Protein backbone atom coordinates (compact mmCIF):
# COMPACT_ATOMS: atom_id res chain seq x y z
CA MET A 1 -2.47 10.59 5.42
CA ASP A 2 -0.49 11.65 8.39
CA ALA A 3 3.12 12.50 6.82
CA ARG A 4 4.76 11.33 10.12
CA ALA A 5 4.05 7.74 8.39
CA TYR A 6 6.85 8.78 5.94
CA LEU A 7 9.24 9.75 8.04
CA LEU A 8 12.28 7.00 7.98
CA ARG A 9 12.82 5.57 11.28
CA GLU A 10 16.56 4.83 12.38
CA LYS A 11 16.51 1.38 11.59
CA GLU A 12 15.53 2.06 7.95
CA LYS A 13 17.88 4.46 7.56
CA ASP A 14 20.27 2.54 5.37
CA SER A 15 17.57 0.43 3.47
CA GLY A 16 14.89 2.96 2.99
CA LEU A 17 11.42 3.26 3.97
CA SER A 18 9.79 -0.37 4.45
CA VAL A 19 6.49 -0.99 1.96
CA PHE A 20 4.50 -3.88 1.08
CA ILE A 21 3.54 -4.60 -2.44
CA ALA A 22 -0.06 -4.36 -3.18
CA THR A 23 -0.28 -7.11 -5.97
CA ALA A 24 1.24 -9.60 -3.12
CA VAL A 25 -0.08 -8.83 0.20
CA SER A 26 -3.86 -7.55 1.00
CA PRO A 27 -4.69 -4.62 3.36
CA PRO A 28 -5.88 -6.43 6.14
CA GLU A 29 -2.61 -9.25 5.52
CA CYS A 30 -0.59 -6.03 5.94
CA ALA A 31 -2.10 -4.80 9.01
CA ALA A 32 -1.80 -8.12 10.81
CA LYS A 33 2.06 -7.82 10.35
CA PHE A 34 2.13 -5.01 13.10
CA ASP A 35 1.06 -5.05 16.39
CA ARG A 36 -0.65 -2.03 16.52
CA CYS A 37 -2.08 -0.69 12.68
CA PHE A 38 -4.19 2.76 12.60
CA GLY A 39 -4.88 2.04 8.81
CA VAL A 40 -3.29 0.67 5.34
CA ALA A 41 -2.47 3.33 2.51
CA SER A 42 -1.70 2.80 -0.84
CA LEU A 43 1.01 4.59 -2.96
CA HIS A 44 1.90 4.53 -6.73
CA VAL A 45 5.59 3.81 -7.88
CA GLY A 46 5.18 6.20 -10.71
CA ARG A 47 4.49 9.10 -8.44
CA ILE A 48 6.96 8.17 -5.80
CA ARG A 49 9.03 8.60 -8.56
CA ASP A 50 7.87 11.62 -9.89
CA ILE A 51 9.36 13.54 -6.58
CA GLY A 52 12.89 12.17 -6.74
CA LEU A 53 12.29 8.60 -5.10
CA ASP A 54 12.40 5.30 -6.20
CA VAL A 55 11.21 2.21 -4.85
CA VAL A 56 13.01 -1.30 -4.91
CA PRO A 57 11.85 -4.43 -4.19
CA ASP A 58 13.85 -6.67 -2.21
CA LYS A 59 11.04 -9.71 -1.73
CA VAL A 60 8.25 -10.99 -3.83
CA ASN A 61 6.00 -9.22 -1.25
CA HIS A 62 8.07 -6.13 -0.16
CA ALA A 63 10.25 -3.07 -1.33
CA CYS A 64 11.79 -0.10 0.20
CA ILE A 65 11.37 3.60 -1.12
CA ILE A 66 14.80 5.01 -1.17
CA GLY A 67 15.90 8.42 -1.28
CA LEU A 68 14.10 9.49 1.79
CA PRO A 69 16.75 11.38 3.88
CA TYR A 70 16.85 10.68 7.66
CA ARG A 71 15.18 13.68 9.70
CA GLU A 72 17.98 14.05 11.93
CA ASP A 73 20.26 14.46 8.88
CA ASN A 74 18.06 16.74 6.89
CA ALA A 75 14.76 17.74 8.59
CA ALA A 76 13.55 20.48 6.19
CA ALA A 77 13.66 17.70 3.28
CA ALA A 78 12.60 14.94 5.50
CA GLN A 79 9.27 16.41 6.13
CA ARG A 80 8.95 17.92 2.54
CA LEU A 81 9.25 14.39 1.34
CA ALA A 82 7.21 12.95 3.93
CA GLY A 83 4.35 15.82 3.17
CA LEU A 84 4.11 14.82 -0.39
CA LEU A 85 3.85 11.26 0.05
CA GLY A 86 1.23 11.73 2.52
CA LYS A 87 -0.38 13.77 0.14
CA GLN A 88 -0.35 11.01 -2.57
CA SER A 89 -1.25 8.45 -0.62
CA ARG A 90 -4.86 6.81 -0.20
CA ILE A 91 -6.19 5.08 2.83
CA VAL A 92 -7.68 1.57 1.62
CA TRP A 93 -8.28 -0.07 5.06
CA LEU A 94 -8.96 0.89 8.33
CA PRO A 95 -9.32 -1.15 11.72
């Protein structure tokens, strides 16, 4: 998985990286929420926590990965953590 998918966007800087909860949203449902979707990947909460990040649910079908630095604030750490998330993720749906 491309690590760029796990870099915080400016609008996520304060809330964390937006993710859907797999038990509540199927991969095709997840993809349908976006104008352009190149695929859907799966991450496991325990592995996210193993690298010092956390996952906080904010809705029944949604959560945020918190602890990721914004790349303009700390480019090296942002790239390192995004790379680790990319290596941990598994593609579960492609268009």
